[in-house]
Amino acid sequence: MSEVSQPARPRHPQPGPDQPEADPPAHGADWGAHGTWWWRDHRCHWRVLGDRRHPPVVLLHGFASGSGHWRRNAGPLAAAGWCVYGLDLIGFGASSQPAHRRHRGLDNRLWARQLQGFLEQVVQAPAVVVGHSLGGLVALTCSVYFPDWVRAVVAAPLPDPTLLMAQPLGDRSLAAPRRHPWRRRLQRAVVVVLCRLLPLELVVPLLAHSPLLDLGIQSAYHGPVIGDRELHRVMARPARRVTAPRALRAMSIAMALRPHGGTAPSLLNRLSLPLLLIWGRQDRLVPLDVARQCLRLRDDLPLVVLDQAGHCPHDEVAEGFNAALLEWLGPLNRHVALDARMDRT
């Protein structure tokens, strides 16, 4: 199902203009050695930290962010024996910010294919995928679409409005009904028109260059973060690019028009890989009730709830987040390391 836009690169890339360099920083928003990878004519920014002989883990950021948001997690993960990759999803971070295309919608299905291409061409091995918010949905999507490329998934948290309306799995009478073609065409036309009428070219720069951005960031945290300049830069840089409004419009259209098979309830129903949920108890954007709904759909999922954390537990209570993540990954790390040694022999 994946599409390859350029030849695969070696597992241990040499330094160059599009490849990581040695001795990268382990902490802060500039963590890791940075590189560029092209996929479907899109420029994708990525970074890596740690020994590339170690099992790989890929960190996926949330909405309106970039891989720099993992500033307090990459170093501890690398120190614990993982090779840590960060990928900027298309439309975010330093990756391309394309306009809407009807047959190439900017939604979690396309991002999942981008992730699979990254795993195949850059990482060149299956990996554990850890996603914050939107990144968690992308990780889940990739694990269902391309299970051979994902070893396990961590969603911290898992956002999707369809979760609030979902029914327990197995109730086929409540499955999403098929819509008539004319209704689908009408819905598409309405969504596209409404999204194109939104004055995003005026609103996005206004928000990105005003104190409203700090208020928006604060809404995702439990404790005070206004004044955190590094965090402000992570969020402001993508929003201040001239292509940000068109990318936001493309996302709005594509996410609104996703088929039922691309929503979290359907993906959870089809999931066959290990999945860990991590939630901030004080999350106001994706409340803990959504986590409980996930457990109604899949009662076999482990859930870790972190106190004194809002929507960004990986950044706000990084020590507790890293400890919970590494505890869950411990057995998997040993299993992957054993597989790697057997492959080398």
C-alpha atoms as a PDB file:
ATOM      1  CA  MET A   1       0.000   0.000   0.000  1.00  0.00           C
ATOM      2  CA  SER A   2       2.991   2.347   0.417  1.00  0.00           C
ATOM      3  CA  GLU A   3       4.472   4.482  -2.328  1.00  0.00           C
ATOM      4  CA  VAL A   4       8.210   5.010  -2.651  1.00  0.00           C
ATOM      5  CA  SER A   5       9.373   8.354  -3.966  1.00  0.00           C
ATOM      6  CA  GLN A   6      13.109   7.804  -3.777  1.00  0.00           C
ATOM      7  CA  PRO A   7      15.565   4.959  -3.154  1.00  0.00           C
ATOM      8  CA  ALA A   8      16.084   3.732   0.365  1.00  0.00           C
ATOM      9  CA  ARG A   9      19.031   5.182   2.241  1.00  0.00           C
ATOM     10  CA  PRO A  10      21.560   3.214   4.270  1.00  0.00           C
ATOM     11  CA  ARG A  11      20.733   2.310   7.835  1.00  0.00           C
ATOM     12  CA  HIS A  12      23.783   4.220   9.069  1.00  0.00           C
ATOM     13  CA  PRO A  13      23.719   7.455   7.017  1.00  0.00           C
ATOM     14  CA  GLN A  14      26.878   9.462   6.629  1.00  0.00           C
ATOM     15  CA  PRO A  15      26.897  13.184   7.504  1.00  0.00           C
ATOM     16  CA  GLY A  16      25.801  15.439   4.681  1.00  0.00           C
ATOM     17  CA  PRO A  17      23.324  18.213   3.808  1.00  0.00           C
ATOM     18  CA  ASP A  18      20.347  15.875   4.124  1.00  0.00           C
ATOM     19  CA  GLN A  19      21.746  13.488   6.747  1.00  0.00           C
ATOM     20  CA  PRO A  20      22.272  13.683  10.512  1.00  0.00           C
ATOM     21  CA  GLU A  21      25.638  14.623  11.951  1.00  0.00           C
ATOM     22  CA  ALA A  22      27.539  13.100  14.855  1.00  0.00           C
ATOM     23  CA  ASP A  23      27.353  14.144  18.532  1.00  0.00           C
ATOM     24  CA  PRO A  24      23.883  15.694  18.523  1.00  0.00           C
ATOM     25  CA  PRO A  25      22.335  17.350  21.596  1.00  0.00           C
ATOM     26  CA  ALA A  26      20.340  14.990  23.798  1.00  0.00           C
ATOM     27  CA  HIS A  27      18.072  17.558  25.420  1.00  0.00           C
ATOM     28  CA  GLY A  28      16.089  20.637  24.447  1.00  0.00           C
ATOM     29  CA  ALA A  29      13.973  21.412  21.407  1.00  0.00           C
ATOM     30  CA  ASP A  30      16.951  20.940  19.059  1.00  0.00           C
ATOM     31  CA  TRP A  31      17.627  17.393  20.292  1.00  0.00           C
ATOM     32  CA  GLY A  32      19.121  14.864  17.921  1.00  0.00           C
ATOM     33  CA  ALA A  33      20.895  15.056  14.589  1.00  0.00           C
ATOM     34  CA  HIS A  34      18.636  16.493  11.900  1.00  0.00           C
ATOM     35  CA  GLY A  35      18.036  15.249   8.370  1.00  0.00           C
ATOM     36  CA  THR A  36      15.766  15.671   5.361  1.00  0.00           C
ATOM     37  CA  TRP A  37      13.832  12.926   3.590  1.00  0.00           C
ATOM     38  CA  TRP A  38      11.669  13.309   0.488  1.00  0.00           C
ATOM     39  CA  TRP A  39       8.387  11.411   0.232  1.00  0.00           C
ATOM     40  CA  ARG A  40       5.796  11.886  -2.536  1.00  0.00           C
ATOM     41  CA  ASP A  41       7.486  15.181  -3.442  1.00  0.00           C
ATOM     42  CA  HIS A  42       7.160  16.427   0.136  1.00  0.00           C
ATOM     43  CA  ARG A  43      10.143  17.557   2.175  1.00  0.00           C
ATOM     44  CA  CYS A  44      10.066  15.757   5.529  1.00  0.00           C
ATOM     45  CA  HIS A  45      12.205  16.844   8.451  1.00  0.00           C
ATOM     46  CA  TRP A  46      13.441  14.157  10.830  1.00  0.00           C
ATOM     47  CA  ARG A  47      15.988  13.653  13.586  1.00  0.00           C
ATOM     48  CA  VAL A  48      17.723  10.803  15.366  1.00  0.00           C
ATOM     49  CA  LEU A  49      19.449  10.268  18.711  1.00  0.00           C
ATOM     50  CA  GLY A  50      21.215   7.206  20.056  1.00  0.00           C
ATOM     51  CA  ASP A  51      23.070   4.138  18.862  1.00  0.00           C
ATOM     52  CA  ARG A  52      21.508   2.928  15.613  1.00  0.00           C
ATOM     53  CA  ARG A  53      22.285  -0.640  16.532  1.00  0.00           C
ATOM     54  CA  HIS A  54      19.687  -0.313  19.287  1.00  0.00           C
ATOM     55  CA  PRO A  55      15.954  -1.006  18.785  1.00  0.00           C
ATOM     56  CA  PRO A  56      14.238   1.960  17.117  1.00  0.00           C
ATOM     57  CA  VAL A  57      11.448   4.064  18.564  1.00  0.00           C
ATOM     58  CA  VAL A  58       9.761   6.823  16.537  1.00  0.00           C
ATOM     59  CA  LEU A  59       8.267   9.852  18.302  1.00  0.00           C
ATOM     60  CA  LEU A  60       5.320  11.591  16.615  1.00  0.00           C
ATOM     61  CA  HIS A  61       4.264  15.063  17.732  1.00  0.00           C
ATOM     62  CA  GLY A  62       0.741  16.378  18.135  1.00  0.00           C
ATOM     63  CA  PHE A  63      -1.296  19.010  16.293  1.00  0.00           C
ATOM     64  CA  ALA A  64       0.367  22.406  15.676  1.00  0.00           C
ATOM     65  CA  SER A  65       3.720  21.117  16.915  1.00  0.00           C
ATOM     66  CA  GLY A  66       6.868  19.374  15.714  1.00  0.00           C
ATOM     67  CA  SER A  67       9.426  16.811  16.808  1.00  0.00           C
ATOM     68  CA  GLY A  68      11.098  19.402  19.056  1.00  0.00           C
ATOM     69  CA  HIS A  69       8.197  18.941  21.485  1.00  0.00           C
ATOM     70  CA  TRP A  70       9.875  15.692  22.621  1.00  0.00           C
ATOM     71  CA  ARG A  71      12.635  17.806  24.171  1.00  0.00           C
ATOM     72  CA  ARG A  72      12.444  16.053  27.546  1.00  0.00           C
ATOM     73  CA  ASN A  73      11.945  12.483  26.329  1.00  0.00           C
ATOM     74  CA  ALA A  74      14.420  11.678  23.552  1.00  0.00           C
ATOM     75  CA  GLY A  75      17.494  11.801  25.790  1.00  0.00           C
ATOM     76  CA  PRO A  76      16.165   9.455  28.499  1.00  0.00           C
ATOM     77  CA  LEU A  77      14.898   7.009  25.870  1.00  0.00           C
ATOM     78  CA  ALA A  78      18.272   6.954  24.124  1.00  0.00           C
ATOM     79  CA  ALA A  79      20.041   6.516  27.463  1.00  0.00           C
ATOM     80  CA  ALA A  80      17.760   3.550  28.197  1.00  0.00           C
ATOM     81  CA  GLY A  81      18.938   1.682  25.107  1.00  0.00           C
ATOM     82  CA  TRP A  82      16.671   2.900  22.292  1.00  0.00           C
ATOM     83  CA  CYS A  83      17.571   4.561  19.013  1.00  0.00           C
ATOM     84  CA  VAL A  84      15.182   7.515  19.019  1.00  0.00           C
ATOM     85  CA  TYR A  85      13.769   9.012  15.819  1.00  0.00           C
ATOM     86  CA  GLY A  86      11.563  12.068  15.521  1.00  0.00           C
ATOM     87  CA  LEU A  87       9.507  12.780  12.406  1.00  0.00           C
ATOM     88  CA  ASP A  88       7.709  16.003  11.495  1.00  0.00           C
ATOM     89  CA  LEU A  89       4.399  15.033   9.922  1.00  0.00           C
ATOM     90  CA  ILE A  90       3.538  16.704   6.632  1.00  0.00           C
ATOM     91  CA  GLY A  91       1.960  20.061   7.395  1.00  0.00           C
ATOM     92  CA  PHE A  92       3.807  20.500  10.694  1.00  0.00           C
ATOM     93  CA  GLY A  93       7.233  21.277  12.096  1.00  0.00           C
ATOM     94  CA  ALA A  94       9.795  21.861   9.361  1.00  0.00           C
ATOM     95  CA  SER A  95       8.137  19.506   6.854  1.00  0.00           C
ATOM     96  CA  SER A  96       6.206  20.596   3.762  1.00  0.00           C
ATOM     97  CA  GLN A  97       2.871  22.352   4.235  1.00  0.00           C
ATOM     98  CA  PRO A  98       0.854  21.456   1.124  1.00  0.00           C
ATOM     99  CA  ALA A  99      -2.519  22.697  -0.049  1.00  0.00           C
ATOM    100  CA  HIS A 100      -5.623  20.517  -0.288  1.00  0.00           C
ATOM    101  CA  ARG A 101      -5.695  17.821  -2.962  1.00  0.00           C
ATOM    102  CA  ARG A 102      -8.836  15.812  -3.415  1.00  0.00           C
ATOM    103  CA  HIS A 103      -7.216  12.417  -3.828  1.00  0.00           C
ATOM    104  CA  ARG A 104      -4.365  13.049  -1.409  1.00  0.00           C
ATOM    105  CA  GLY A 105      -6.134  14.284   1.705  1.00  0.00           C
ATOM    106  CA  LEU A 106      -4.009  15.490   4.607  1.00  0.00           C
ATOM    107  CA  ASP A 107      -5.400  13.203   7.299  1.00  0.00           C
ATOM    108  CA  ASN A 108      -4.270  10.403   9.588  1.00  0.00           C
ATOM    109  CA  ARG A 109      -4.344   7.903   6.723  1.00  0.00           C
ATOM    110  CA  LEU A 110      -1.822   9.906   4.675  1.00  0.00           C
ATOM    111  CA  TRP A 111       0.338  10.541   7.732  1.00  0.00           C
ATOM    112  CA  ALA A 112       0.282   6.801   8.455  1.00  0.00           C
ATOM    113  CA  ARG A 113       1.585   6.158   4.945  1.00  0.00           C
ATOM    114  CA  GLN A 114       4.248   8.818   5.461  1.00  0.00           C
ATOM    115  CA  LEU A 115       5.293   7.044   8.664  1.00  0.00           C
ATOM    116  CA  GLN A 116       5.424   3.664   6.931  1.00  0.00           C
ATOM    117  CA  GLY A 117       7.604   5.144   4.192  1.00  0.00           C
ATOM    118  CA  PHE A 118       9.881   6.632   6.842  1.00  0.00           C
ATOM    119  CA  LEU A 119      10.190   3.278   8.603  1.00  0.00           C
ATOM    120  CA  GLU A 120      10.938   1.527   5.324  1.00  0.00           C
ATOM    121  CA  GLN A 121      13.322   4.007   3.747  1.00  0.00           C
ATOM    122  CA  VAL A 122      15.068   5.756   6.652  1.00  0.00           C
ATOM    123  CA  VAL A 123      14.776   3.593   9.774  1.00  0.00           C
ATOM    124  CA  GLN A 124      14.777   0.433   7.642  1.00  0.00           C
ATOM    125  CA  ALA A 125      13.262  -1.654  10.429  1.00  0.00           C
ATOM    126  CA  PRO A 126       9.974  -2.032  12.315  1.00  0.00           C
ATOM    127  CA  ALA A 127       9.766   0.292  15.320  1.00  0.00           C
ATOM    128  CA  VAL A 128       7.826   1.155  18.420  1.00  0.00           C
ATOM    129  CA  VAL A 129       5.815   4.301  17.672  1.00  0.00           C
ATOM    130  CA  VAL A 130       4.998   6.793  20.425  1.00  0.00           C
ATOM    131  CA  GLY A 131       2.543   9.519  19.519  1.00  0.00           C
ATOM    132  CA  HIS A 132       1.313  12.586  21.351  1.00  0.00           C
ATOM    133  CA  SER A 133      -2.343  13.412  20.633  1.00  0.00           C
ATOM    134  CA  LEU A 134      -2.694  13.546  16.831  1.00  0.00           C
ATOM    135  CA  GLY A 135       0.559  11.593  16.648  1.00  0.00           C
ATOM    136  CA  GLY A 136      -1.093   8.854  18.696  1.00  0.00           C
ATOM    137  CA  LEU A 137      -3.909   8.595  16.169  1.00  0.00           C
ATOM    138  CA  VAL A 138      -1.347   8.416  13.357  1.00  0.00           C
ATOM    139  CA  ALA A 139       0.602   5.706  15.194  1.00  0.00           C
ATOM    140  CA  LEU A 140      -2.591   3.686  15.689  1.00  0.00           C
ATOM    141  CA  THR A 141      -3.507   4.116  12.023  1.00  0.00           C
ATOM    142  CA  CYS A 142      -0.082   2.963  10.827  1.00  0.00           C
ATOM    143  CA  SER A 143      -0.166  -0.052  13.127  1.00  0.00           C
ATOM    144  CA  VAL A 144      -3.456  -1.167  11.557  1.00  0.00           C
ATOM    145  CA  TYR A 145      -2.576  -0.357   7.950  1.00  0.00           C
ATOM    146  CA  PHE A 146       1.032  -1.601   8.125  1.00  0.00           C
ATOM    147  CA  PRO A 147       1.342  -3.992  11.086  1.00  0.00           C
ATOM    148  CA  ASP A 148       4.585  -5.481   9.774  1.00  0.00           C
ATOM    149  CA  TRP A 149       6.325  -2.126  10.289  1.00  0.00           C
ATOM    150  CA  VAL A 150       5.137  -1.387  13.836  1.00  0.00           C
ATOM    151  CA  ARG A 151       6.102  -3.376  16.930  1.00  0.00           C
ATOM    152  CA  ALA A 152       3.950  -1.535  19.467  1.00  0.00           C
ATOM    153  CA  VAL A 153       2.047   1.737  19.873  1.00  0.00           C
ATOM    154  CA  VAL A 154       1.849   4.330  22.626  1.00  0.00           C
ATOM    155  CA  ALA A 155      -0.850   7.016  22.387  1.00  0.00           C
ATOM    156  CA  ALA A 156      -0.527   9.878  24.844  1.00  0.00           C
ATOM    157  CA  PRO A 157      -3.408  10.606  24.586  1.00  0.00           C
ATOM    158  CA  LEU A 158      -5.602   9.270  21.744  1.00  0.00           C
ATOM    159  CA  PRO A 159      -7.850  12.021  20.313  1.00  0.00           C
ATOM    160  CA  ASP A 160     -10.749  11.529  17.928  1.00  0.00           C
ATOM    161  CA  PRO A 161     -14.235  13.079  18.272  1.00  0.00           C
ATOM    162  CA  THR A 162     -15.733   9.841  16.937  1.00  0.00           C
ATOM    163  CA  LEU A 163     -14.684   8.098  20.162  1.00  0.00           C
ATOM    164  CA  LEU A 164     -17.354  10.012  22.066  1.00  0.00           C
ATOM    165  CA  MET A 165     -20.061   8.524  19.848  1.00  0.00           C
ATOM    166  CA  ALA A 166     -18.632   5.028  19.493  1.00  0.00           C
ATOM    167  CA  GLN A 167     -20.345   1.909  20.818  1.00  0.00           C
ATOM    168  CA  PRO A 168     -18.649  -1.147  22.306  1.00  0.00           C
ATOM    169  CA  LEU A 169     -17.075  -3.401  19.727  1.00  0.00           C
ATOM    170  CA  GLY A 170     -19.143  -6.284  18.444  1.00  0.00           C
ATOM    171  CA  ASP A 171     -22.405  -4.358  18.207  1.00  0.00           C
ATOM    172  CA  ARG A 172     -22.802  -4.544  14.445  1.00  0.00           C
ATOM    173  CA  SER A 173     -26.251  -3.002  14.606  1.00  0.00           C
ATOM    174  CA  LEU A 174     -24.611   0.276  15.579  1.00  0.00           C
ATOM    175  CA  ALA A 175     -21.941   0.237  12.876  1.00  0.00           C
ATOM    176  CA  ALA A 176     -21.664   3.298  10.662  1.00  0.00           C
ATOM    177  CA  PRO A 177     -24.316   3.029   7.911  1.00  0.00           C
ATOM    178  CA  ARG A 178     -23.309   3.351   4.304  1.00  0.00           C
ATOM    179  CA  ARG A 179     -24.279   6.694   2.829  1.00  0.00           C
ATOM    180  CA  HIS A 180     -25.684   7.139  -0.624  1.00  0.00           C
ATOM    181  CA  PRO A 181     -23.160   8.500  -3.150  1.00  0.00           C
ATOM    182  CA  TRP A 182     -25.098  11.740  -3.556  1.00  0.00           C
ATOM    183  CA  ARG A 183     -24.945  12.345   0.193  1.00  0.00           C
ATOM    184  CA  ARG A 184     -21.200  11.796   0.225  1.00  0.00           C
ATOM    185  CA  ARG A 185     -20.776  14.223  -2.675  1.00  0.00           C
ATOM    186  CA  LEU A 186     -22.972  16.778  -0.931  1.00  0.00           C
ATOM    187  CA  GLN A 187     -21.032  16.465   2.312  1.00  0.00           C
ATOM    188  CA  ARG A 188     -17.735  16.885   0.485  1.00  0.00           C
ATOM    189  CA  ALA A 189     -18.976  19.968  -1.349  1.00  0.00           C
ATOM    190  CA  VAL A 190     -20.269  21.584   1.848  1.00  0.00           C
ATOM    191  CA  VAL A 191     -17.091  20.883   3.822  1.00  0.00           C
ATOM    192  CA  VAL A 192     -14.808  22.140   1.054  1.00  0.00           C
ATOM    193  CA  VAL A 193     -16.832  25.346   0.569  1.00  0.00           C
ATOM    194  CA  LEU A 194     -16.995  26.115   4.281  1.00  0.00           C
ATOM    195  CA  CYS A 195     -13.279  25.502   4.800  1.00  0.00           C
ATOM    196  CA  ARG A 196     -12.399  27.684   1.819  1.00  0.00           C
ATOM    197  CA  LEU A 197     -14.557  30.490   3.185  1.00  0.00           C
ATOM    198  CA  LEU A 198     -12.603  30.532   6.442  1.00  0.00           C
ATOM    199  CA  PRO A 199     -10.203  33.541   6.437  1.00  0.00           C
ATOM    200  CA  LEU A 200      -7.258  31.419   7.565  1.00  0.00           C
ATOM    201  CA  GLU A 201      -4.730  33.602   5.719  1.00  0.00           C
ATOM    202  CA  LEU A 202      -5.700  36.378   8.131  1.00  0.00           C
ATOM    203  CA  VAL A 203      -6.454  34.402  11.279  1.00  0.00           C
ATOM    204  CA  VAL A 204      -3.417  32.088  11.418  1.00  0.00           C
ATOM    205  CA  PRO A 205      -0.739  34.831  11.181  1.00  0.00           C
ATOM    206  CA  LEU A 206      -2.693  36.934  13.683  1.00  0.00           C
ATOM    207  CA  LEU A 207      -2.749  34.100  16.204  1.00  0.00           C
ATOM    208  CA  ALA A 208       0.848  33.091  15.538  1.00  0.00           C
ATOM    209  CA  HIS A 209       2.216  36.589  16.182  1.00  0.00           C
ATOM    210  CA  SER A 210       0.020  37.585  19.130  1.00  0.00           C
ATOM    211  CA  PRO A 211      -0.272  36.672  22.820  1.00  0.00           C
ATOM    212  CA  LEU A 212      -3.220  34.485  21.818  1.00  0.00           C
ATOM    213  CA  LEU A 213      -0.698  31.805  20.842  1.00  0.00           C
ATOM    214  CA  ASP A 214       0.597  31.668  24.416  1.00  0.00           C
ATOM    215  CA  LEU A 215      -2.960  31.354  25.696  1.00  0.00           C
ATOM    216  CA  GLY A 216      -3.579  28.501  23.272  1.00  0.00           C
ATOM    217  CA  ILE A 217      -0.435  26.715  24.443  1.00  0.00           C
ATOM    218  CA  GLN A 218      -1.425  27.256  28.065  1.00  0.00           C
ATOM    219  CA  SER A 219      -4.790  25.589  27.458  1.00  0.00           C
ATOM    220  CA  ALA A 220      -2.918  22.345  26.721  1.00  0.00           C
ATOM    221  CA  TYR A 221      -1.035  22.413  30.043  1.00  0.00           C
ATOM    222  CA  HIS A 222      -2.106  22.069  33.654  1.00  0.00           C
ATOM    223  CA  GLY A 223       0.707  24.115  35.152  1.00  0.00           C
ATOM    224  CA  PRO A 224       1.866  27.574  33.974  1.00  0.00           C
ATOM    225  CA  VAL A 225       4.007  27.579  30.816  1.00  0.00           C
ATOM    226  CA  ILE A 226       3.631  31.172  29.611  1.00  0.00           C
ATOM    227  CA  GLY A 227       7.183  32.458  29.473  1.00  0.00           C
ATOM    228  CA  ASP A 228       8.685  29.156  28.313  1.00  0.00           C
ATOM    229  CA  ARG A 229      10.439  30.565  25.257  1.00  0.00           C
ATOM    230  CA  GLU A 230      11.633  27.219  23.953  1.00  0.00           C
ATOM    231  CA  LEU A 231       8.100  25.811  24.013  1.00  0.00           C
ATOM    232  CA  HIS A 232       6.817  28.970  22.348  1.00  0.00           C
ATOM    233  CA  ARG A 233       9.343  28.547  19.512  1.00  0.00           C
ATOM    234  CA  VAL A 234       8.333  24.917  18.963  1.00  0.00           C
ATOM    235  CA  MET A 235       4.703  25.961  18.454  1.00  0.00           C
ATOM    236  CA  ALA A 236       5.249  29.309  16.740  1.00  0.00           C
ATOM    237  CA  ARG A 237       7.660  28.332  13.965  1.00  0.00           C
ATOM    238  CA  PRO A 238       5.270  26.085  11.993  1.00  0.00           C
ATOM    239  CA  ALA A 239       2.360  28.511  12.447  1.00  0.00           C
ATOM    240  CA  ARG A 240       4.375  31.501  11.214  1.00  0.00           C
ATOM    241  CA  ARG A 241       5.301  29.947   7.874  1.00  0.00           C
ATOM    242  CA  VAL A 242       3.434  31.459   4.929  1.00  0.00           C
ATOM    243  CA  THR A 243       2.174  28.019   3.905  1.00  0.00           C
ATOM    244  CA  ALA A 244       0.605  27.270   7.310  1.00  0.00           C
ATOM    245  CA  PRO A 245      -2.933  28.533   6.442  1.00  0.00           C
ATOM    246  CA  ARG A 246      -3.261  26.376   3.338  1.00  0.00           C
ATOM    247  CA  ALA A 247      -2.028  23.303   5.219  1.00  0.00           C
ATOM    248  CA  LEU A 248      -4.511  23.924   8.025  1.00  0.00           C
ATOM    249  CA  ARG A 249      -7.300  24.188   5.460  1.00  0.00           C
ATOM    250  CA  ALA A 250      -6.165  20.928   3.840  1.00  0.00           C
ATOM    251  CA  MET A 251      -6.184  19.157   7.221  1.00  0.00           C
ATOM    252  CA  SER A 252      -9.600  20.524   8.133  1.00  0.00           C
ATOM    253  CA  ILE A 253     -11.126  19.250   4.896  1.00  0.00           C
ATOM    254  CA  ALA A 254      -9.474  15.830   4.933  1.00  0.00           C
ATOM    255  CA  MET A 255     -10.096  15.065   8.606  1.00  0.00           C
ATOM    256  CA  ALA A 256     -13.757  16.040   8.288  1.00  0.00           C
ATOM    257  CA  LEU A 257     -14.221  13.743   5.273  1.00  0.00           C
ATOM    258  CA  ARG A 258     -12.478  10.635   6.602  1.00  0.00           C
ATOM    259  CA  PRO A 259     -14.315   7.362   5.996  1.00  0.00           C
ATOM    260  CA  HIS A 260     -15.438   5.367   9.015  1.00  0.00           C
ATOM    261  CA  GLY A 261     -12.496   3.002   8.541  1.00  0.00           C
ATOM    262  CA  GLY A 262     -10.087   5.860   9.255  1.00  0.00           C
ATOM    263  CA  THR A 263     -11.578   6.755  12.644  1.00  0.00           C
ATOM    264  CA  ALA A 264     -10.254   5.647  16.018  1.00  0.00           C
ATOM    265  CA  PRO A 265     -13.140   3.287  16.930  1.00  0.00           C
ATOM    266  CA  SER A 266     -12.747   1.329  13.705  1.00  0.00           C
ATOM    267  CA  LEU A 267      -8.962   1.274  14.051  1.00  0.00           C
ATOM    268  CA  LEU A 268      -9.163   0.019  17.642  1.00  0.00           C
ATOM    269  CA  ASN A 269     -11.467  -2.740  16.467  1.00  0.00           C
ATOM    270  CA  ARG A 270      -8.848  -3.901  13.943  1.00  0.00           C
ATOM    271  CA  LEU A 271      -5.758  -3.413  16.111  1.00  0.00           C
ATOM    272  CA  SER A 272      -3.696  -6.548  16.721  1.00  0.00           C
ATOM    273  CA  LEU A 273      -0.528  -5.009  18.232  1.00  0.00           C
ATOM    274  CA  PRO A 274       0.236  -3.900  21.812  1.00  0.00           C
ATOM    275  CA  LEU A 275      -1.101  -0.423  22.627  1.00  0.00           C
ATOM    276  CA  LEU A 276      -0.467   1.654  25.750  1.00  0.00           C
ATOM    277  CA  LEU A 277      -2.613   4.681  26.589  1.00  0.00           C
ATOM    278  CA  ILE A 278      -1.119   7.518  28.653  1.00  0.00           C
ATOM    279  CA  TRP A 279      -3.341  10.369  29.824  1.00  0.00           C
ATOM    280  CA  GLY A 280      -2.965  13.527  31.873  1.00  0.00           C
ATOM    281  CA  ARG A 281      -5.561  13.568  34.630  1.00  0.00           C
ATOM    282  CA  GLN A 282      -6.172  17.310  34.120  1.00  0.00           C
ATOM    283  CA  ASP A 283      -6.389  17.136  30.299  1.00  0.00           C
ATOM    284  CA  ARG A 284      -9.024  19.684  29.245  1.00  0.00           C
ATOM    285  CA  LEU A 285      -8.641  19.213  25.485  1.00  0.00           C
ATOM    286  CA  VAL A 286      -9.066  15.421  25.396  1.00  0.00           C
ATOM    287  CA  PRO A 287     -10.610  14.630  28.815  1.00  0.00           C
ATOM    288  CA  LEU A 288     -10.081  11.412  30.696  1.00  0.00           C
ATOM    289  CA  ASP A 289     -13.626  10.388  29.710  1.00  0.00           C
ATOM    290  CA  VAL A 290     -12.242   9.723  26.227  1.00  0.00           C
ATOM    291  CA  ALA A 291      -9.757   7.261  27.725  1.00  0.00           C
ATOM    292  CA  ARG A 292     -12.608   5.509  29.523  1.00  0.00           C
ATOM    293  CA  GLN A 293     -14.442   5.294  26.213  1.00  0.00           C
ATOM    294  CA  CYS A 294     -11.368   3.677  24.652  1.00  0.00           C
ATOM    295  CA  LEU A 295     -11.490   1.081  27.415  1.00  0.00           C
ATOM    296  CA  ARG A 296     -15.161   0.459  26.704  1.00  0.00           C
ATOM    297  CA  LEU A 297     -14.153  -0.339  23.143  1.00  0.00           C
ATOM    298  CA  ARG A 298     -11.060  -2.358  24.098  1.00  0.00           C
ATOM    299  CA  ASP A 299     -10.998  -3.430  27.747  1.00  0.00           C
ATOM    300  CA  ASP A 300      -7.616  -5.133  27.245  1.00  0.00           C
ATOM    301  CA  LEU A 301      -5.730  -1.838  26.819  1.00  0.00           C
ATOM    302  CA  PRO A 302      -3.408  -0.697  29.622  1.00  0.00           C
ATOM    303  CA  LEU A 303      -3.989   2.895  30.748  1.00  0.00           C
ATOM    304  CA  VAL A 304      -1.553   5.062  32.720  1.00  0.00           C
ATOM    305  CA  VAL A 305      -2.992   8.271  34.207  1.00  0.00           C
ATOM    306  CA  LEU A 306      -0.462  10.902  35.257  1.00  0.00           C
ATOM    307  CA  ASP A 307      -1.369  13.446  37.926  1.00  0.00           C
ATOM    308  CA  GLN A 308      -0.639  17.157  37.616  1.00  0.00           C
ATOM    309  CA  ALA A 309      -0.616  16.874  33.816  1.00  0.00           C
ATOM    310  CA  GLY A 310      -2.812  18.295  31.113  1.00  0.00           C
ATOM    311  CA  HIS A 311      -2.856  17.475  27.412  1.00  0.00           C
ATOM    312  CA  CYS A 312       0.953  17.233  27.127  1.00  0.00           C
ATOM    313  CA  PRO A 313       2.016  14.762  29.836  1.00  0.00           C
ATOM    314  CA  HIS A 314       5.223  13.884  27.976  1.00  0.00           C
ATOM    315  CA  ASP A 315       6.415  17.480  28.391  1.00  0.00           C
ATOM    316  CA  GLU A 316       4.694  18.584  31.583  1.00  0.00           C
ATOM    317  CA  VAL A 317       5.555  15.604  33.803  1.00  0.00           C
ATOM    318  CA  ALA A 318       8.352  14.202  31.683  1.00  0.00           C
ATOM    319  CA  GLU A 319       9.985  12.196  34.478  1.00  0.00           C
ATOM    320  CA  GLY A 320       6.783  10.303  35.274  1.00  0.00           C
ATOM    321  CA  PHE A 321       5.963   9.888  31.597  1.00  0.00           C
ATOM    322  CA  ASN A 322       9.402   8.505  30.765  1.00  0.00           C
ATOM    323  CA  ALA A 323       9.283   6.111  33.721  1.00  0.00           C
ATOM    324  CA  ALA A 324       5.856   4.745  32.732  1.00  0.00           C
ATOM    325  CA  LEU A 325       6.865   4.430  29.094  1.00  0.00           C
ATOM    326  CA  LEU A 326      10.160   2.673  29.800  1.00  0.00           C
ATOM    327  CA  GLU A 327       8.520   0.287  32.265  1.00  0.00           C
ATOM    328  CA  TRP A 328       6.023  -0.785  29.604  1.00  0.00           C
ATOM    329  CA  LEU A 329       8.704  -0.969  26.918  1.00  0.00           C
ATOM    330  CA  GLY A 330      11.161  -2.942  29.067  1.00  0.00           C
ATOM    331  CA  PRO A 331      10.087  -6.466  28.082  1.00  0.00           C
ATOM    332  CA  LEU A 332       9.655  -5.376  24.472  1.00  0.00           C
ATOM    333  CA  ASN A 333      13.139  -3.851  24.402  1.00  0.00           C
ATOM    334  CA  ARG A 334      14.690  -7.111  25.590  1.00  0.00           C
ATOM    335  CA  HIS A 335      12.684  -9.069  23.027  1.00  0.00           C
ATOM    336  CA  VAL A 336      13.679  -6.751  20.166  1.00  0.00           C
ATOM    337  CA  ALA A 337      17.332  -6.765  21.220  1.00  0.00           C
ATOM    338  CA  LEU A 338      17.311 -10.561  21.232  1.00  0.00           C
ATOM    339  CA  ASP A 339      15.768 -10.617  17.749  1.00  0.00           C
ATOM    340  CA  ALA A 340      18.432  -8.199  16.516  1.00  0.00           C
ATOM    341  CA  ARG A 341      21.260 -10.369  17.867  1.00  0.00           C
ATOM    342  CA  MET A 342      19.735 -13.427  16.197  1.00  0.00           C
ATOM    343  CA  ASP A 343      19.457 -11.545  12.891  1.00  0.00           C
ATOM    344  CA  ARG A 344      23.144 -10.588  13.044  1.00  0.00           C
ATOM    345  CA  THR A 345      24.156 -14.181  13.633  1.00  0.00           C
END
